[in-house]
PDB file of N, CA and C in Angstrom:
ATOM      1  N   MET A   1      97.468  41.112 -27.978  1.00  0.00           N
ATOM      2  CA  MET A   1      98.308  42.414 -28.535  1.00  0.00           C
ATOM      3  C   MET A   1      99.473  41.865 -29.250  1.00  0.00           C
ATOM      4  N   ILE A   2     100.187  41.131 -29.011  1.00  0.00           N
ATOM      5  CA  ILE A   2     101.179  40.449 -29.774  1.00  0.00           C
ATOM      6  C   ILE A   2     100.789  39.910 -30.840  1.00  0.00           C
ATOM      7  N   GLU A   3      99.737  39.187 -31.056  1.00  0.00           N
ATOM      8  CA  GLU A   3      98.981  38.704 -32.478  1.00  0.00           C
ATOM      9  C   GLU A   3      98.701  39.624 -33.388  1.00  0.00           C
ATOM     10  N   LYS A   4      98.007  40.793 -32.746  1.00  0.00           N
ATOM     11  CA  LYS A   4      97.731  41.947 -33.399  1.00  0.00           C
ATOM     12  C   LYS A   4      98.935  42.544 -34.187  1.00  0.00           C
ATOM     13  N   THR A   5      99.892  42.678 -33.349  1.00  0.00           N
ATOM     14  CA  THR A   5     101.143  43.218 -33.927  1.00  0.00           C
ATOM     15  C   THR A   5     101.956  42.572 -35.155  1.00  0.00           C
ATOM     16  N   ILE A   6     101.866  41.230 -35.095  1.00  0.00           N
ATOM     17  CA  ILE A   6     102.635  40.248 -35.720  1.00  0.00           C
ATOM     18  C   ILE A   6     101.443  40.389 -37.316  1.00  0.00           C
ATOM     19  N   ARG A   7     100.330  40.224 -36.991  1.00  0.00           N
ATOM     20  CA  ARG A   7      99.210  40.502 -37.754  1.00  0.00           C
ATOM     21  C   ARG A   7      99.558  41.706 -38.916  1.00  0.00           C
ATOM     22  N   MET A   8      99.497  42.757 -38.335  1.00  0.00           N
ATOM     23  CA  MET A   8      99.903  44.071 -38.929  1.00  0.00           C
ATOM     24  C   MET A   8     101.164  44.296 -39.559  1.00  0.00           C
ATOM     25  N   ASN A   9     102.450  43.648 -38.863  1.00  0.00           N
ATOM     26  CA  ASN A   9     103.503  43.389 -39.395  1.00  0.00           C
ATOM     27  C   ASN A   9     103.680  42.593 -40.841  1.00  0.00           C
ATOM     28  N   TYR A  10     102.603  41.606 -40.929  1.00  0.00           N
ATOM     29  CA  TYR A  10     102.803  40.885 -41.871  1.00  0.00           C
ATOM     30  C   TYR A  10     101.890  41.558 -43.218  1.00  0.00           C
ATOM     31  N   LEU A  11     100.902  42.237 -42.928  1.00  0.00           N
ATOM     32  CA  LEU A  11     100.111  42.917 -43.624  1.00  0.00           C
ATOM     33  C   LEU A  11     100.537  44.204 -44.163  1.00  0.00           C
ATOM     34  N   TYR A  12     101.507  44.618 -43.333  1.00  0.00           N
ATOM     35  CA  TYR A  12     102.453  46.129 -43.742  1.00  0.00           C
ATOM     36  C   TYR A  12     103.333  45.414 -44.710  1.00  0.00           C
ATOM     37  N   ASP A  13     104.209  44.255 -44.494  1.00  0.00           N
ATOM     38  CA  ASP A  13     104.865  43.703 -45.576  1.00  0.00           C
ATOM     39  C   ASP A  13     104.288  43.490 -46.919  1.00  0.00           C
ATOM     40  N   PHE A  14     103.234  43.036 -47.067  1.00  0.00           N
ATOM     41  CA  PHE A  14     102.500  42.593 -48.104  1.00  0.00           C
ATOM     42  C   PHE A  14     102.113  43.770 -48.779  1.00  0.00           C
ATOM     43  N   TYR A  15     101.656  44.895 -48.173  1.00  0.00           N
ATOM     44  CA  TYR A  15     100.875  45.780 -48.627  1.00  0.00           C
ATOM     45  C   TYR A  15     101.365  47.452 -48.518  1.00  0.00           C
ATOM     46  N   GLN A  16     102.467  47.655 -48.082  1.00  0.00           N
ATOM     47  CA  GLN A  16     103.217  48.610 -47.949  1.00  0.00           C
ATOM     48  C   GLN A  16     103.169  49.524 -49.231  1.00  0.00           C
ATOM     49  N   ALA A  17     103.562  48.871 -50.277  1.00  0.00           N
ATOM     50  CA  ALA A  17     103.540  49.581 -51.645  1.00  0.00           C
ATOM     51  C   ALA A  17     102.315  50.651 -51.909  1.00  0.00           C
ATOM     52  N   LEU A  18     101.132  50.134 -51.233  1.00  0.00           N
ATOM     53  CA  LEU A  18      99.857  50.663 -51.623  1.00  0.00           C
ATOM     54  C   LEU A  18      99.509  51.742 -50.618  1.00  0.00           C
ATOM     55  N   LEU A  19     100.518  52.239 -49.693  1.00  0.00           N
ATOM     56  CA  LEU A  19     100.200  53.216 -48.604  1.00  0.00           C
ATOM     57  C   LEU A  19     101.026  54.385 -49.070  1.00  0.00           C
ATOM     58  N   THR A  20     100.348  55.600 -48.476  1.00  0.00           N
ATOM     59  CA  THR A  20     101.167  56.727 -48.811  1.00  0.00           C
ATOM     60  C   THR A  20     102.534  56.879 -48.110  1.00  0.00           C
ATOM     61  N   GLU A  21     103.362  57.662 -48.345  1.00  0.00           N
ATOM     62  CA  GLU A  21     104.578  57.971 -47.586  1.00  0.00           C
ATOM     63  C   GLU A  21     104.421  58.163 -45.988  1.00  0.00           C
ATOM     64  N   LYS A  22     103.120  59.067 -45.698  1.00  0.00           N
ATOM     65  CA  LYS A  22     103.195  59.453 -44.452  1.00  0.00           C
ATOM     66  C   LYS A  22     102.581  58.291 -43.675  1.00  0.00           C
ATOM     67  N   GLN A  23     101.510  57.429 -44.203  1.00  0.00           N
ATOM     68  CA  GLN A  23     101.263  56.151 -43.689  1.00  0.00           C
ATOM     69  C   GLN A  23     102.423  55.027 -43.521  1.00  0.00           C
ATOM     70  N   ASN A  24     103.362  55.107 -44.461  1.00  0.00           N
ATOM     71  CA  ASN A  24     104.436  54.135 -44.545  1.00  0.00           C
ATOM     72  C   ASN A  24     105.255  54.568 -43.018  1.00  0.00           C
ATOM     73  N   GLN A  25     105.369  55.890 -43.211  1.00  0.00           N
ATOM     74  CA  GLN A  25     106.435  56.639 -41.963  1.00  0.00           C
ATOM     75  C   GLN A  25     105.656  55.845 -40.795  1.00  0.00           C
ATOM     76  N   TYR A  26     104.464  56.500 -40.204  1.00  0.00           N
ATOM     77  CA  TYR A  26     104.099  56.242 -39.156  1.00  0.00           C
ATOM     78  C   TYR A  26     103.841  54.841 -38.857  1.00  0.00           C
ATOM     79  N   MET A  27     103.596  53.773 -39.786  1.00  0.00           N
ATOM     80  CA  MET A  27     103.602  52.314 -39.587  1.00  0.00           C
ATOM     81  C   MET A  27     105.113  51.894 -39.198  1.00  0.00           C
ATOM     82  N   THR A  28     105.646  52.251 -39.886  1.00  0.00           N
ATOM     83  CA  THR A  28     107.386  51.920 -39.623  1.00  0.00           C
ATOM     84  C   THR A  28     107.474  52.211 -38.196  1.00  0.00           C
ATOM     85  N   MET A  29     107.630  53.335 -38.036  1.00  0.00           N
ATOM     86  CA  MET A  29     108.000  54.110 -36.548  1.00  0.00           C
ATOM     87  C   MET A  29     107.196  53.397 -35.532  1.00  0.00           C
ATOM     88  N   TYR A  30     105.557  53.139 -35.661  1.00  0.00           N
ATOM     89  CA  TYR A  30     105.111  52.703 -34.630  1.00  0.00           C
ATOM     90  C   TYR A  30     105.259  51.168 -34.564  1.00  0.00           C
ATOM     91  N   TYR A  31     105.069  50.192 -35.401  1.00  0.00           N
ATOM     92  CA  TYR A  31     105.290  48.707 -35.657  1.00  0.00           C
ATOM     93  C   TYR A  31     106.787  48.481 -35.689  1.00  0.00           C
ATOM     94  N   LEU A  32     107.361  48.869 -36.588  1.00  0.00           N
ATOM     95  CA  LEU A  32     108.897  48.382 -36.532  1.00  0.00           C
ATOM     96  C   LEU A  32     109.854  49.156 -35.629  1.00  0.00           C
ATOM     97  N   ASP A  33     109.702  50.265 -35.561  1.00  0.00           N
ATOM     98  CA  ASP A  33     110.697  50.888 -34.560  1.00  0.00           C
ATOM     99  C   ASP A  33     110.279  51.140 -33.046  1.00  0.00           C
ATOM    100  N   ASP A  34     109.134  50.627 -32.794  1.00  0.00           N
ATOM    101  CA  ASP A  34     108.516  50.557 -31.671  1.00  0.00           C
ATOM    102  C   ASP A  34     108.392  51.863 -31.013  1.00  0.00           C
ATOM    103  N   LEU A  35     108.069  52.887 -31.662  1.00  0.00           N
ATOM    104  CA  LEU A  35     107.981  54.220 -31.035  1.00  0.00           C
ATOM    105  C   LEU A  35     106.798  54.515 -30.410  1.00  0.00           C
ATOM    106  N   SER A  36     106.657  55.158 -29.594  1.00  0.00           N
ATOM    107  CA  SER A  36     105.296  55.611 -28.587  1.00  0.00           C
ATOM    108  C   SER A  36     104.600  56.544 -29.838  1.00  0.00           C
ATOM    109  N   LEU A  37     103.114  56.804 -29.685  1.00  0.00           N
ATOM    110  CA  LEU A  37     102.663  57.705 -30.528  1.00  0.00           C
ATOM    111  C   LEU A  37     102.988  59.215 -30.162  1.00  0.00           C
ATOM    112  N   GLY A  38     103.329  59.442 -28.675  1.00  0.00           N
ATOM    113  CA  GLY A  38     104.000  60.678 -28.337  1.00  0.00           C
ATOM    114  C   GLY A  38     105.234  61.108 -29.153  1.00  0.00           C
ATOM    115  N   GLU A  39     106.020  59.792 -29.147  1.00  0.00           N
ATOM    116  CA  GLU A  39     107.468  59.920 -29.975  1.00  0.00           C
ATOM    117  C   GLU A  39     107.088  60.528 -31.577  1.00  0.00           C
ATOM    118  N   ILE A  40     106.095  59.575 -32.070  1.00  0.00           N
ATOM    119  CA  ILE A  40     106.108  59.960 -33.483  1.00  0.00           C
ATOM    120  C   ILE A  40     105.345  61.210 -33.703  1.00  0.00           C
ATOM    121  N   ALA A  41     104.473  61.699 -32.849  1.00  0.00           N
ATOM    122  CA  ALA A  41     103.590  63.072 -32.812  1.00  0.00           C
ATOM    123  C   ALA A  41     105.068  64.081 -32.554  1.00  0.00           C
ATOM    124  N   GLU A  42     105.784  63.840 -31.930  1.00  0.00           N
ATOM    125  CA  GLU A  42     107.078  65.131 -31.421  1.00  0.00           C
ATOM    126  C   GLU A  42     107.339  65.101 -32.829  1.00  0.00           C
ATOM    127  N   GLN A  43     107.906  64.300 -33.712  1.00  0.00           N
ATOM    128  CA  GLN A  43     108.843  64.280 -34.712  1.00  0.00           C
ATOM    129  C   GLN A  43     108.201  64.757 -36.165  1.00  0.00           C
ATOM    130  N   PHE A  44     106.613  64.522 -35.755  1.00  0.00           N
ATOM    131  CA  PHE A  44     105.953  65.314 -37.310  1.00  0.00           C
ATOM    132  C   PHE A  44     105.281  66.575 -36.535  1.00  0.00           C
ATOM    133  N   ASP A  45     105.433  66.926 -35.548  1.00  0.00           N
ATOM    134  CA  ASP A  45     104.644  68.214 -35.149  1.00  0.00           C
ATOM    135  C   ASP A  45     103.298  68.199 -35.360  1.00  0.00           C
ATOM    136  N   VAL A  46     102.468  66.887 -34.507  1.00  0.00           N
ATOM    137  CA  VAL A  46     101.284  66.819 -34.731  1.00  0.00           C
ATOM    138  C   VAL A  46     100.764  66.416 -33.368  1.00  0.00           C
ATOM    139  N   SER A  47      99.598  66.297 -33.246  1.00  0.00           N
ATOM    140  CA  SER A  47      99.195  65.517 -31.845  1.00  0.00           C
ATOM    141  C   SER A  47      99.328  64.260 -32.044  1.00  0.00           C
ATOM    142  N   ARG A  48      99.326  63.789 -30.636  1.00  0.00           N
ATOM    143  CA  ARG A  48      99.062  62.377 -30.455  1.00  0.00           C
ATOM    144  C   ARG A  48      97.973  61.666 -31.019  1.00  0.00           C
ATOM    145  N   GLN A  49      96.775  62.427 -30.949  1.00  0.00           N
ATOM    146  CA  GLN A  49      95.654  61.886 -31.318  1.00  0.00           C
ATOM    147  C   GLN A  49      95.511  61.729 -32.853  1.00  0.00           C
ATOM    148  N   ALA A  50      96.455  62.713 -33.619  1.00  0.00           N
ATOM    149  CA  ALA A  50      96.558  62.835 -35.068  1.00  0.00           C
ATOM    150  C   ALA A  50      96.964  61.540 -35.510  1.00  0.00           C
ATOM    151  N   VAL A  51      98.113  61.106 -34.799  1.00  0.00           N
ATOM    152  CA  VAL A  51      98.997  59.938 -35.084  1.00  0.00           C
ATOM    153  C   VAL A  51      98.137  58.856 -34.904  1.00  0.00           C
ATOM    154  N   TYR A  52      97.489  58.524 -33.763  1.00  0.00           N
ATOM    155  CA  TYR A  52      96.631  57.520 -33.335  1.00  0.00           C
ATOM    156  C   TYR A  52      95.540  57.239 -34.291  1.00  0.00           C
ATOM    157  N   ASP A  53      95.034  58.576 -34.839  1.00  0.00           N
ATOM    158  CA  ASP A  53      93.921  58.365 -35.815  1.00  0.00           C
ATOM    159  C   ASP A  53      94.409  57.885 -37.250  1.00  0.00           C
ATOM    160  N   ASN A  54      95.634  58.099 -37.764  1.00  0.00           N
ATOM    161  CA  ASN A  54      96.114  57.930 -38.749  1.00  0.00           C
ATOM    162  C   ASN A  54      96.676  56.282 -38.811  1.00  0.00           C
ATOM    163  N   ILE A  55      97.187  55.814 -37.597  1.00  0.00           N
ATOM    164  CA  ILE A  55      97.498  54.478 -37.737  1.00  0.00           C
ATOM    165  C   ILE A  55      96.364  53.662 -37.583  1.00  0.00           C
ATOM    166  N   LYS A  56      95.149  53.995 -37.052  1.00  0.00           N
ATOM    167  CA  LYS A  56      93.888  53.275 -37.049  1.00  0.00           C
ATOM    168  C   LYS A  56      93.453  53.077 -38.444  1.00  0.00           C
ATOM    169  N   ARG A  57      93.280  54.260 -39.012  1.00  0.00           N
ATOM    170  CA  ARG A  57      92.803  54.291 -40.444  1.00  0.00           C
ATOM    171  C   ARG A  57      93.818  53.431 -41.280  1.00  0.00           C
ATOM    172  N   THR A  58      95.012  53.373 -41.167  1.00  0.00           N
ATOM    173  CA  THR A  58      96.107  52.467 -41.937  1.00  0.00           C
ATOM    174  C   THR A  58      95.593  51.408 -41.535  1.00  0.00           C
ATOM    175  N   GLU A  59      95.459  50.770 -40.482  1.00  0.00           N
ATOM    176  CA  GLU A  59      95.352  49.212 -40.150  1.00  0.00           C
ATOM    177  C   GLU A  59      94.165  48.770 -40.565  1.00  0.00           C
ATOM    178  N   ALA A  60      92.929  49.764 -40.841  1.00  0.00           N
ATOM    179  CA  ALA A  60      91.809  49.239 -41.556  1.00  0.00           C
ATOM    180  C   ALA A  60      91.925  49.001 -42.772  1.00  0.00           C
ATOM    181  N   LEU A  61      92.663  50.083 -43.435  1.00  0.00           N
ATOM    182  CA  LEU A  61      92.948  50.013 -44.760  1.00  0.00           C
ATOM    183  C   LEU A  61      93.752  48.736 -45.025  1.00  0.00           C
ATOM    184  N   LEU A  62      94.831  48.083 -44.187  1.00  0.00           N
ATOM    185  CA  LEU A  62      95.442  47.123 -44.635  1.00  0.00           C
ATOM    186  C   LEU A  62      94.648  45.891 -44.342  1.00  0.00           C
ATOM    187  N   GLU A  63      93.632  45.943 -43.297  1.00  0.00           N
ATOM    188  CA  GLU A  63      92.579  44.891 -43.498  1.00  0.00           C
ATOM    189  C   GLU A  63      91.697  44.785 -44.605  1.00  0.00           C
ATOM    190  N   GLU A  64      91.277  45.972 -45.350  1.00  0.00           N
ATOM    191  CA  GLU A  64      90.570  45.963 -46.276  1.00  0.00           C
ATOM    192  C   GLU A  64      91.314  45.500 -47.397  1.00  0.00           C
ATOM    193  N   TYR A  65      92.730  45.735 -47.513  1.00  0.00           N
ATOM    194  CA  TYR A  65      93.386  45.040 -48.730  1.00  0.00           C
ATOM    195  C   TYR A  65      93.354  43.595 -48.686  1.00  0.00           C
ATOM    196  N   GLU A  66      93.795  43.314 -47.467  1.00  0.00           N
ATOM    197  CA  GLU A  66      93.775  41.882 -47.242  1.00  0.00           C
ATOM    198  C   GLU A  66      92.330  40.924 -47.433  1.00  0.00           C
ATOM    199  N   THR A  67      91.191  41.776 -47.140  1.00  0.00           N
ATOM    200  CA  THR A  67      89.973  41.113 -47.649  1.00  0.00           C
ATOM    201  C   THR A  67      90.028  41.043 -49.205  1.00  0.00           C
ATOM    202  N   LYS A  68      90.387  41.868 -49.766  1.00  0.00           N
ATOM    203  CA  LYS A  68      90.225  41.852 -51.251  1.00  0.00           C
ATOM    204  C   LYS A  68      91.261  41.177 -51.939  1.00  0.00           C
ATOM    205  N   LEU A  69      92.603  41.092 -51.290  1.00  0.00           N
ATOM    206  CA  LEU A  69      93.621  40.552 -52.222  1.00  0.00           C
ATOM    207  C   LEU A  69      93.950  39.032 -51.485  1.00  0.00           C
ATOM    208  N   MET A  70      93.812  39.125 -50.253  1.00  0.00           N
ATOM    209  CA  MET A  70      94.125  38.016 -49.569  1.00  0.00           C
ATOM    210  C   MET A  70      95.718  37.383 -49.587  1.00  0.00           C
ATOM    211  N   LEU A  71      96.563  38.145 -49.750  1.00  0.00           N
ATOM    212  CA  LEU A  71      97.764  37.817 -49.788  1.00  0.00           C
ATOM    213  C   LEU A  71      98.517  37.207 -48.725  1.00  0.00           C
ATOM    214  N   LEU A  72      98.057  37.513 -47.496  1.00  0.00           N
ATOM    215  CA  LEU A  72      98.634  37.139 -46.057  1.00  0.00           C
ATOM    216  C   LEU A  72      97.660  35.705 -46.083  1.00  0.00           C
ATOM    217  N   ARG A  73      96.583  35.540 -46.122  1.00  0.00           N
ATOM    218  CA  ARG A  73      96.059  34.287 -46.278  1.00  0.00           C
ATOM    219  C   ARG A  73      96.508  33.207 -46.973  1.00  0.00           C
ATOM    220  N   ARG A  74      96.744  33.383 -48.460  1.00  0.00           N
ATOM    221  CA  ARG A  74      97.228  32.712 -49.305  1.00  0.00           C
ATOM    222  C   ARG A  74      98.947  32.313 -48.683  1.00  0.00           C
ATOM    223  N   TYR A  75      99.448  33.369 -48.342  1.00  0.00           N
ATOM    224  CA  TYR A  75     100.894  33.028 -47.716  1.00  0.00           C
ATOM    225  C   TYR A  75     100.963  31.905 -46.728  1.00  0.00           C
ATOM    226  N   GLU A  76      99.860  32.242 -45.712  1.00  0.00           N
ATOM    227  CA  GLU A  76      99.721  31.207 -44.577  1.00  0.00           C
ATOM    228  C   GLU A  76      99.323  29.863 -45.070  1.00  0.00           C
ATOM    229  N   GLU A  77      98.438  29.844 -45.798  1.00  0.00           N
ATOM    230  CA  GLU A  77      98.021  28.438 -46.590  1.00  0.00           C
ATOM    231  C   GLU A  77      99.238  27.757 -47.243  1.00  0.00           C
ATOM    232  N   ARG A  78     100.208  28.611 -47.890  1.00  0.00           N
ATOM    233  CA  ARG A  78     101.229  27.993 -48.605  1.00  0.00           C
ATOM    234  C   ARG A  78     101.983  27.586 -47.297  1.00  0.00           C
ATOM    235  N   GLN A  79     102.426  28.135 -46.370  1.00  0.00           N
ATOM    236  CA  GLN A  79     103.372  27.869 -45.232  1.00  0.00           C
ATOM    237  C   GLN A  79     103.124  26.484 -44.649  1.00  0.00           C
ATOM    238  N   ALA A  80     101.714  26.314 -44.350  1.00  0.00           N
ATOM    239  CA  ALA A  80     101.155  24.810 -43.937  1.00  0.00           C
ATOM    240  C   ALA A  80     101.010  24.156 -44.856  1.00  0.00           C
ATOM    241  N   LEU A  81     101.169  24.202 -45.965  1.00  0.00           N
ATOM    242  CA  LEU A  81     101.232  23.146 -47.209  1.00  0.00           C
ATOM    243  C   LEU A  81     102.619  22.621 -47.239  1.00  0.00           C
ATOM    244  N   ILE A  82     103.616  23.690 -47.052  1.00  0.00           N
ATOM    245  CA  ILE A  82     105.129  23.320 -47.139  1.00  0.00           C
ATOM    246  C   ILE A  82     105.206  22.209 -45.820  1.00  0.00           C
ATOM    247  N   GLN A  83     104.659  22.945 -44.665  1.00  0.00           N
ATOM    248  CA  GLN A  83     105.113  22.263 -43.638  1.00  0.00           C
ATOM    249  C   GLN A  83     104.635  20.829 -43.541  1.00  0.00           C
ATOM    250  N   ARG A  84     103.274  20.593 -44.254  1.00  0.00           N
ATOM    251  CA  ARG A  84     102.898  19.077 -44.305  1.00  0.00           C
ATOM    252  C   ARG A  84     103.522  18.362 -45.241  1.00  0.00           C
ATOM    253  N   LEU A  85     104.088  18.959 -46.312  1.00  0.00           N
ATOM    254  CA  LEU A  85     105.032  18.285 -47.281  1.00  0.00           C
ATOM    255  C   LEU A  85     106.099  17.656 -46.792  1.00  0.00           C
ATOM    256  N   LYS A  86     106.945  18.797 -45.660  1.00  0.00           N
ATOM    257  CA  LYS A  86     108.092  18.522 -45.199  1.00  0.00           C
ATOM    258  C   LYS A  86     107.974  17.345 -44.206  1.00  0.00           C
ATOM    259  N   THR A  87     106.927  17.286 -43.399  1.00  0.00           N
ATOM    260  CA  THR A  87     106.489  16.228 -42.609  1.00  0.00           C
ATOM    261  C   THR A  87     106.669  15.011 -43.359  1.00  0.00           C
ATOM    262  N   ALA A  88     105.755  14.953 -44.350  1.00  0.00           N
ATOM    263  CA  ALA A  88     105.502  13.704 -45.315  1.00  0.00           C
ATOM    264  C   ALA A  88     106.896  13.248 -45.625  1.00  0.00           C
ATOM    265  N   ILE A  89     107.825  14.270 -46.077  1.00  0.00           N
ATOM    266  CA  ILE A  89     108.931  13.550 -46.772  1.00  0.00           C
ATOM    267  C   ILE A  89     109.719  13.021 -45.512  1.00  0.00           C
ATOM    268  N   MET A  90     109.832  13.783 -44.489  1.00  0.00           N
ATOM    269  CA  MET A  90     110.456  13.283 -43.568  1.00  0.00           C
ATOM    270  C   MET A  90     110.019  11.674 -42.732  1.00  0.00           C
ATOM    271  N   GLU A  91     108.624  11.647 -42.760  1.00  0.00           N
ATOM    272  CA  GLU A  91     108.023  10.162 -42.363  1.00  0.00           C
ATOM    273  C   GLU A  91     108.025   9.284 -43.428  1.00  0.00           C
ATOM    274  N   GLN A  92     108.516   9.557 -44.746  1.00  0.00           N
ATOM    275  CA  GLN A  92     108.462   9.052 -45.696  1.00  0.00           C
ATOM    276  C   GLN A  92     106.926   8.528 -46.178  1.00  0.00           C
ATOM    277  N   GLY A  93     106.203   9.647 -46.129  1.00  0.00           N
ATOM    278  CA  GLY A  93     104.911   9.508 -46.596  1.00  0.00           C
ATOM    279  C   GLY A  93     104.454   8.958 -48.051  1.00  0.00           C
ATOM    280  N   SER A  94     103.304   8.679 -48.175  1.00  0.00           N
ATOM    281  CA  SER A  94     103.164   8.248 -49.483  1.00  0.00           C
ATOM    282  C   SER A  94     103.511   9.361 -50.546  1.00  0.00           C
ATOM    283  N   PRO A  95     103.837   8.660 -51.735  1.00  0.00           N
ATOM    284  CA  PRO A  95     103.701   9.482 -52.893  1.00  0.00           C
ATOM    285  C   PRO A  95     102.612  10.411 -53.253  1.00  0.00           C
ATOM    286  N   ASP A  96     101.160   9.592 -52.977  1.00  0.00           N
ATOM    287  CA  ASP A  96     100.146  10.155 -53.482  1.00  0.00           C
ATOM    288  C   ASP A  96      99.839  11.340 -52.446  1.00  0.00           C
ATOM    289  N   THR A  97     100.351  11.217 -51.260  1.00  0.00           N
ATOM    290  CA  THR A  97     100.300  12.544 -50.350  1.00  0.00           C
ATOM    291  C   THR A  97     101.021  13.746 -50.742  1.00  0.00           C
ATOM    292  N   MET A  98     101.959  13.162 -51.090  1.00  0.00           N
ATOM    293  CA  MET A  98     102.958  14.497 -51.355  1.00  0.00           C
ATOM    294  C   MET A  98     102.520  15.234 -52.485  1.00  0.00           C
ATOM    295  N   ILE A  99     101.885  14.376 -53.405  1.00  0.00           N
ATOM    296  CA  ILE A  99     101.483  14.820 -54.942  1.00  0.00           C
ATOM    297  C   ILE A  99     100.439  15.800 -54.455  1.00  0.00           C
ATOM    298  N   GLU A 100      99.385  15.132 -53.833  1.00  0.00           N
ATOM    299  CA  GLU A 100      98.281  16.024 -53.173  1.00  0.00           C
ATOM    300  C   GLU A 100      98.608  17.656 -52.770  1.00  0.00           C
ATOM    301  N   ILE A 101      99.688  17.119 -51.709  1.00  0.00           N
ATOM    302  CA  ILE A 101      99.981  18.469 -51.349  1.00  0.00           C
ATOM    303  C   ILE A 101     100.752  19.818 -52.462  1.00  0.00           C
ATOM    304  N   VAL A 102     101.458  18.938 -53.063  1.00  0.00           N
ATOM    305  CA  VAL A 102     101.885  19.810 -54.246  1.00  0.00           C
ATOM    306  C   VAL A 102     100.915  20.600 -55.357  1.00  0.00           C
ATOM    307  N   GLU A 103      99.833  19.545 -55.552  1.00  0.00           N
ATOM    308  CA  GLU A 103      98.581  19.999 -56.207  1.00  0.00           C
ATOM    309  C   GLU A 103      98.008  21.390 -55.451  1.00  0.00           C
ATOM    310  N   ALA A 104      98.047  21.310 -54.205  1.00  0.00           N
ATOM    311  CA  ALA A 104      97.137  22.203 -53.281  1.00  0.00           C
ATOM    312  C   ALA A 104      98.156  23.582 -53.494  1.00  0.00           C
ATOM    313  N   LEU A 105      99.421  23.264 -53.382  1.00  0.00           N
ATOM    314  CA  LEU A 105     100.401  24.542 -53.419  1.00  0.00           C
ATOM    315  C   LEU A 105     100.153  25.276 -54.948  1.00  0.00           C
ATOM    316  N   GLU A 106     100.092  24.351 -55.901  1.00  0.00           N
ATOM    317  CA  GLU A 106      99.919  24.881 -57.262  1.00  0.00           C
ATOM    318  C   GLU A 106      98.505  25.503 -57.403  1.00  0.00           C
ATOM    319  N   LYS A 107      97.483  25.091 -56.662  1.00  0.00           N
ATOM    320  CA  LYS A 107      96.298  25.953 -56.713  1.00  0.00           C
ATOM    321  C   LYS A 107      96.232  27.451 -55.852  1.00  0.00           C
ATOM    322  N   LEU A 108      97.103  27.556 -55.362  1.00  0.00           N
ATOM    323  CA  LEU A 108      97.558  28.927 -54.535  1.00  0.00           C
ATOM    324  C   LEU A 108      98.274  29.720 -55.385  1.00  0.00           C
ATOM    325  N   GLU A 109      98.796  29.474 -56.257  1.00  0.00           N
ATOM    326  CA  GLU A 109      99.548  30.748 -57.333  1.00  0.00           C
ATOM    327  C   GLU A 109      98.694  31.070 -57.918  1.00  0.00           C
TER     328      GLU A 109
END
């Protein structure tokens, strides 16, 4: 469950501008403010099921955006390469290794 929450938070960070105001409000309240479905439903005067359905549809939409745009995947790849570069620098790795990592980073742009 924690992995899903972290993933949804990342996806939301990358794609929130593509969501409607209502989707943004529900996702913020549920994932960032940690409100329950009942608490959100009460604030919007809708059923708990309506909130649940909206959040599930929004989660699916975020996953669809990620499938098409791959912003999170590229971000994670960039972070892994940066970590490899830091390790190579700390261990005084070969210049060829560092150049290879930098070139891989450039390809992600």
